[in-house]
Amino acid sequence: MYAAQDWKDYEVIDTGDGEKLERWGTVVLRRPDPQIIWPLIKETGEWRQADAHYHRSSSGGGQWEYKKQIPERWTISYRNLSFHIKPTGFKHTGLFPEQAVNWAWMMDKIRGAGRPIRVLNLFAYTGGASVACAAAGAEVCHVDASKGVVQWAKENLQLSGLGDRPVRFITDDVFKFVQREQRRGSKYDAIIMDPPSYGRGPNGETWKLETNLYPFVESCMSILTDKPLFMLINSYTTGISASVLKNVLSLSLGRRYGGTITCGEIGLPITASKLMLPCGILGRWEA
């Protein structure tokens, strides 16, 4: 498992009975997690005194119960990167801390390339990977269909003191954007993607990961430079294994460019039990 173990501002304190107890800076949140099918050994005072607790609704969705007054949003840092954290109505906070293991890997690849690197970040959310790549010296194009999260990403770039870096923020349908980049002849040295399990395009187009991931990766290959540096695929889709990503990358980038492919689970250490919390999978192709 690829584990993000060097956080200081974030911690999975404990897990059990479908929930996790997390520290985000000085704020402690209690949230559900479908991966946590093991029992809670003991509901300590930390659990009961969490600053906020997200309760799922039987009809779908859910809501936060605030035990204490907490800021509307606050900042946490990973190394020299900083991010705004804000509890949302969908239980998320605007950051996936397990992705720090990918941020570190990408930063090392960019810094070690010995040449200018252009990165395309697709389904880019609030920009954790965009900020990391910019910090490493890359030119970045950040694309997401949500105007709100693109604005959040811009704020994270500024918060990290990187507002002067060459980062282009695009609010657009990812698939349409890639098609336009093909027509324009645009090229990138590295591509990052975190595609959804299911979605609909602006004209009612349906996206299903199992059906559309391979042709989308093939489409993205047409906008890679002659000497690409890496491609990273993240997935949180239940039922898709790391071996599936390995096969997709092997039959696409591996067949054309050779290189190295590594895939596996991604996770976070749990302080109380010393276990690991699985948080999805990754697939990496590198030259």
Protein backbone atom coordinates (compact mmCIF):
# COMPACT_ATOMS: atom_id res chain seq x y z
CA MET A 1 0.00 0.00 0.00
CA TYR A 2 1.11 3.55 -0.79
CA ALA A 3 0.67 5.33 2.53
CA ALA A 4 0.68 9.07 3.20
CA GLN A 5 2.53 8.88 6.50
CA ASP A 6 4.28 12.23 6.84
CA TRP A 7 1.37 14.55 7.65
CA LYS A 8 1.66 16.83 10.68
CA ASP A 9 -1.58 18.84 10.30
CA TYR A 10 -3.76 15.81 9.58
CA GLU A 11 -4.32 12.53 11.42
CA VAL A 12 -6.72 9.58 11.38
CA ILE A 13 -7.10 9.22 15.13
CA ASP A 14 -9.31 6.11 15.19
CA THR A 15 -11.80 4.12 13.12
CA GLY A 16 -14.65 1.66 13.60
CA ASP A 17 -18.34 0.92 13.01
CA GLY A 18 -18.34 2.70 9.66
CA GLU A 19 -16.79 5.94 10.91
CA LYS A 20 -13.43 7.66 11.19
CA LEU A 21 -12.23 10.23 13.70
CA GLU A 22 -9.86 12.75 12.11
CA ARG A 23 -7.82 15.74 13.18
CA TRP A 24 -7.63 18.54 10.62
CA GLY A 25 -5.21 20.98 12.20
CA THR A 26 -6.88 21.71 15.55
CA VAL A 27 -10.39 20.65 14.45
CA VAL A 28 -11.60 17.09 15.08
CA LEU A 29 -14.23 15.67 12.72
CA ARG A 30 -16.22 12.44 12.86
CA ARG A 31 -17.27 11.19 9.43
CA PRO A 32 -18.67 7.99 7.86
CA ASP A 33 -16.47 5.84 5.62
CA PRO A 34 -17.82 2.80 3.72
CA GLN A 35 -14.44 1.02 3.89
CA ILE A 36 -14.58 0.79 7.67
CA ILE A 37 -16.47 -2.47 8.16
CA TRP A 38 -14.59 -3.44 11.35
CA PRO A 39 -15.90 -2.67 14.87
CA LEU A 40 -14.99 0.28 17.02
CA ILE A 41 -13.02 -1.20 19.91
CA LYS A 42 -13.90 1.57 22.34
CA GLU A 43 -15.77 4.84 21.92
CA THR A 44 -13.45 7.08 23.91
CA GLY A 45 -14.09 10.64 24.98
CA GLU A 46 -12.33 11.81 21.82
CA TRP A 47 -15.12 10.28 19.75
CA ARG A 48 -17.88 11.81 21.84
CA GLN A 49 -16.19 15.22 21.96
CA ALA A 50 -15.50 15.61 18.24
CA ASP A 51 -16.04 19.19 17.11
CA ALA A 52 -18.43 18.09 14.36
CA HIS A 53 -20.13 14.82 13.43
CA TYR A 54 -21.54 14.04 9.98
CA HIS A 55 -24.72 11.95 10.11
CA ARG A 56 -25.95 10.14 7.03
CA SER A 57 -29.64 10.34 6.21
CA SER A 58 -31.63 7.20 5.39
CA SER A 59 -33.04 9.06 2.39
CA GLY A 60 -29.57 9.94 1.08
CA GLY A 61 -27.09 12.69 1.85
CA GLY A 62 -26.76 13.85 5.41
CA GLN A 63 -25.85 16.77 7.62
CA TRP A 64 -23.26 18.00 10.09
CA GLU A 65 -23.95 18.16 13.81
CA TYR A 66 -21.70 20.79 15.38
CA LYS A 67 -20.72 20.10 19.00
CA LYS A 68 -18.52 23.21 19.15
CA GLN A 69 -18.24 26.36 17.12
CA ILE A 70 -15.60 25.90 14.47
CA PRO A 71 -14.40 28.28 11.74
CA GLU A 72 -16.35 28.31 8.49
CA ARG A 73 -13.02 27.32 6.93
CA TRP A 74 -9.45 26.99 8.13
CA THR A 75 -5.99 26.15 6.79
CA ILE A 76 -3.79 23.07 7.06
CA SER A 77 -0.37 22.51 5.52
CA TYR A 78 1.56 19.63 4.00
CA ARG A 79 5.26 20.45 3.75
CA ASN A 80 5.29 23.85 2.02
CA LEU A 81 1.75 23.50 0.59
CA SER A 82 -1.32 24.99 2.25
CA PHE A 83 -5.02 24.28 1.75
CA HIS A 84 -8.36 25.67 2.87
CA ILE A 85 -10.53 23.12 4.68
CA LYS A 86 -14.31 23.49 4.82
CA PRO A 87 -16.91 20.85 5.78
CA THR A 88 -19.39 20.49 2.92
CA GLY A 89 -22.92 19.12 2.74
CA PHE A 90 -21.61 15.95 1.12
CA LYS A 91 -19.39 15.09 4.15
CA HIS A 92 -16.20 16.11 2.29
CA THR A 93 -13.78 18.81 3.44
CA GLY A 94 -12.22 19.89 0.13
CA LEU A 95 -9.08 17.76 0.47
CA PHE A 96 -8.16 14.08 0.26
CA PRO A 97 -5.11 13.74 2.56
CA GLU A 98 -4.12 10.33 1.20
CA GLN A 99 -3.22 12.07 -2.06
CA ALA A 100 -0.14 13.51 -0.38
CA VAL A 101 1.67 10.32 -1.37
CA ASN A 102 1.03 11.27 -5.02
CA TRP A 103 1.94 14.92 -4.51
CA ALA A 104 5.36 13.91 -3.20
CA TRP A 105 5.90 11.48 -6.10
CA MET A 106 4.92 14.03 -8.75
CA MET A 107 7.08 16.75 -7.23
CA ASP A 108 10.09 14.42 -7.28
CA LYS A 109 9.43 13.46 -10.92
CA ILE A 110 9.09 17.09 -12.05
CA ARG A 111 12.16 18.30 -10.17
CA GLY A 112 14.23 15.41 -11.48
CA ALA A 113 13.16 15.83 -15.12
CA GLY A 114 15.88 18.35 -15.93
CA ARG A 115 13.60 20.19 -18.38
CA PRO A 116 10.45 22.34 -18.34
CA ILE A 117 7.34 20.24 -17.69
CA ARG A 118 3.73 20.97 -18.68
CA VAL A 119 1.12 19.19 -16.57
CA LEU A 120 -2.58 18.69 -17.30
CA ASN A 121 -4.71 17.99 -14.21
CA LEU A 122 -8.16 16.63 -15.14
CA PHE A 123 -11.11 16.34 -12.72
CA ALA A 124 -8.79 18.53 -10.68
CA TYR A 125 -11.13 19.39 -7.76
CA THR A 126 -9.62 21.90 -5.30
CA GLY A 127 -6.16 21.59 -6.77
CA GLY A 128 -4.01 19.57 -4.39
CA ALA A 129 -2.07 18.07 -7.30
CA SER A 130 -2.04 21.36 -9.21
CA VAL A 131 -0.50 23.19 -6.27
CA ALA A 132 2.08 20.43 -5.75
CA CYS A 133 3.13 20.43 -9.40
CA ALA A 134 3.34 24.23 -9.49
CA ALA A 135 5.49 24.19 -6.37
CA ALA A 136 7.86 21.76 -8.12
CA GLY A 137 8.26 24.18 -11.02
CA ALA A 138 5.81 22.83 -13.61
CA GLU A 139 3.47 24.80 -15.83
CA VAL A 140 -0.01 23.52 -14.96
CA CYS A 141 -3.41 23.46 -16.64
CA HIS A 142 -6.14 22.72 -14.07
CA VAL A 143 -9.53 21.58 -15.41
CA ASP A 144 -12.75 20.87 -13.53
CA ALA A 145 -16.43 21.29 -14.41
CA SER A 146 -17.34 22.92 -11.08
CA LYS A 147 -16.84 26.67 -10.91
CA GLY A 148 -16.85 26.59 -7.12
CA VAL A 149 -14.03 24.09 -6.73
CA VAL A 150 -11.94 25.82 -9.41
CA GLN A 151 -12.19 29.01 -7.36
CA TRP A 152 -11.20 27.01 -4.27
CA ALA A 153 -8.15 25.72 -6.17
CA LYS A 154 -7.13 29.27 -7.09
CA GLU A 155 -7.30 30.20 -3.41
CA ASN A 156 -5.14 27.20 -2.46
CA LEU A 157 -2.50 28.27 -4.97
CA GLN A 158 -2.43 31.77 -3.45
CA LEU A 159 -2.45 30.33 0.07
CA SER A 160 0.68 28.33 -0.76
CA GLY A 161 2.46 31.50 -1.94
CA LEU A 162 2.42 30.34 -5.57
CA GLY A 163 0.13 32.92 -7.11
CA ASP A 164 2.83 33.98 -9.57
CA ARG A 165 3.33 30.48 -10.99
CA PRO A 166 2.13 29.59 -14.52
CA VAL A 167 -1.15 27.85 -13.63
CA ARG A 168 -4.16 28.09 -15.94
CA PHE A 169 -7.55 27.38 -14.33
CA ILE A 170 -10.29 26.12 -16.65
CA THR A 171 -13.94 25.54 -15.73
CA ASP A 172 -15.11 23.11 -18.39
CA ASP A 173 -16.30 19.61 -19.17
CA VAL A 174 -13.10 17.54 -19.06
CA PHE A 175 -13.92 15.39 -22.09
CA LYS A 176 -14.82 18.36 -24.28
CA PHE A 177 -11.65 20.14 -23.16
CA VAL A 178 -9.42 17.21 -24.15
CA GLN A 179 -11.10 17.05 -27.56
CA ARG A 180 -10.45 20.77 -28.12
CA GLU A 181 -6.83 20.38 -27.04
CA GLN A 182 -6.46 17.64 -29.66
CA ARG A 183 -7.77 19.95 -32.37
CA ARG A 184 -5.51 22.78 -31.16
CA GLY A 185 -2.46 20.55 -31.17
CA SER A 186 -1.70 21.22 -27.50
CA LYS A 187 0.79 18.91 -25.81
CA TYR A 188 1.57 18.02 -22.19
CA ASP A 189 4.44 16.16 -20.57
CA ALA A 190 2.31 14.73 -17.76
CA ILE A 191 -1.39 14.05 -17.20
CA ILE A 192 -3.20 13.52 -13.89
CA MET A 193 -6.79 12.30 -13.70
CA ASP A 194 -9.24 11.41 -10.95
CA PRO A 195 -12.31 10.36 -12.96
CA PRO A 196 -15.72 9.80 -11.33
CA SER A 197 -17.44 6.43 -11.23
CA TYR A 198 -20.44 7.84 -13.06
CA GLY A 199 -21.44 11.17 -14.49
CA ARG A 200 -23.31 13.11 -17.14
CA GLY A 201 -21.93 15.63 -19.59
CA PRO A 202 -23.46 19.03 -20.44
CA ASN A 203 -25.49 17.52 -23.30
CA GLY A 204 -26.67 14.45 -21.43
CA GLU A 205 -23.66 12.28 -22.31
CA THR A 206 -23.17 9.42 -19.87
CA TRP A 207 -19.78 8.57 -18.34
CA LYS A 208 -19.26 5.17 -16.73
CA LEU A 209 -15.74 4.38 -15.55
CA GLU A 210 -15.85 0.71 -16.48
CA THR A 211 -16.87 1.53 -20.04
CA ASN A 212 -15.14 4.84 -20.72
CA LEU A 213 -11.83 4.86 -18.84
CA TYR A 214 -9.74 3.00 -21.44
CA PRO A 215 -10.89 5.06 -24.46
CA PHE A 216 -10.42 8.25 -22.44
CA VAL A 217 -6.83 7.28 -21.57
CA GLU A 218 -6.26 6.56 -25.27
CA SER A 219 -7.70 9.99 -26.10
CA CYS A 220 -5.38 11.67 -23.59
CA MET A 221 -2.36 9.97 -25.14
CA SER A 222 -2.90 12.08 -28.26
CA ILE A 223 -2.06 15.24 -26.30
CA LEU A 224 1.12 13.89 -24.72
CA THR A 225 4.50 15.11 -25.95
CA ASP A 226 6.93 12.79 -27.72
CA LYS A 227 8.77 12.31 -24.43
CA PRO A 228 6.08 12.20 -21.72
CA LEU A 229 7.11 12.14 -18.08
CA PHE A 230 4.18 10.45 -16.33
CA MET A 231 0.48 9.71 -16.19
CA LEU A 232 -1.36 9.24 -12.90
CA ILE A 233 -4.84 7.75 -12.55
CA ASN A 234 -6.65 7.84 -9.21
CA SER A 235 -9.82 5.86 -8.59
CA TYR A 236 -12.28 5.60 -5.72
CA THR A 237 -14.69 3.40 -7.69
CA THR A 238 -15.76 0.30 -5.76
CA GLY A 239 -15.09 -2.86 -7.74
CA ILE A 240 -12.19 -1.47 -9.77
CA SER A 241 -8.91 -3.03 -8.63
CA ALA A 242 -5.35 -1.82 -8.95
CA SER A 243 -4.77 -4.65 -11.44
CA VAL A 244 -7.44 -3.15 -13.69
CA LEU A 245 -5.54 0.16 -13.78
CA LYS A 246 -2.32 -1.71 -14.46
CA ASN A 247 -3.89 -3.44 -17.44
CA VAL A 248 -5.33 -0.18 -18.79
CA LEU A 249 -1.95 1.55 -18.54
CA SER A 250 -0.05 -1.46 -19.93
CA LEU A 251 -2.22 -1.69 -23.04
CA SER A 252 -2.11 2.06 -23.68
CA LEU A 253 0.98 3.95 -22.51
CA GLY A 254 3.05 0.84 -21.82
CA ARG A 255 2.51 -0.50 -25.32
CA ARG A 256 3.43 2.80 -26.97
CA TYR A 257 6.18 4.19 -24.70
CA GLY A 258 7.48 1.30 -22.62
CA GLY A 259 8.39 2.77 -19.25
CA THR A 260 7.38 1.60 -15.79
CA ILE A 261 3.89 0.96 -14.43
CA THR A 262 3.13 0.73 -10.72
CA CYS A 263 -0.32 0.31 -9.21
CA GLY A 264 -1.75 -0.34 -5.79
CA GLU A 265 -3.90 0.75 -2.90
CA ILE A 266 -3.49 4.16 -1.33
CA GLY A 267 -4.12 4.77 2.35
CA LEU A 268 -3.60 6.52 5.65
CA PRO A 269 -2.21 5.26 8.97
CA ILE A 270 -4.64 4.96 11.90
CA THR A 271 -3.03 6.19 15.10
CA ALA A 272 -5.06 4.19 17.66
CA SER A 273 -4.85 0.76 16.02
CA LYS A 274 -1.67 1.09 13.94
CA LEU A 275 -3.70 -0.29 11.03
CA MET A 276 -3.99 1.28 7.57
CA LEU A 277 -7.18 2.86 6.25
CA PRO A 278 -7.62 2.06 2.51
CA CYS A 279 -8.61 5.13 0.52
CA GLY A 280 -8.77 4.02 -3.11
CA ILE A 281 -6.25 2.97 -5.73
CA LEU A 282 -3.69 4.54 -8.01
CA GLY A 283 -2.07 3.69 -11.30
CA ARG A 284 1.20 5.34 -12.34
CA TRP A 285 2.96 5.21 -15.66
CA GLU A 286 6.40 6.84 -15.82
CA ALA A 287 9.04 7.05 -18.49
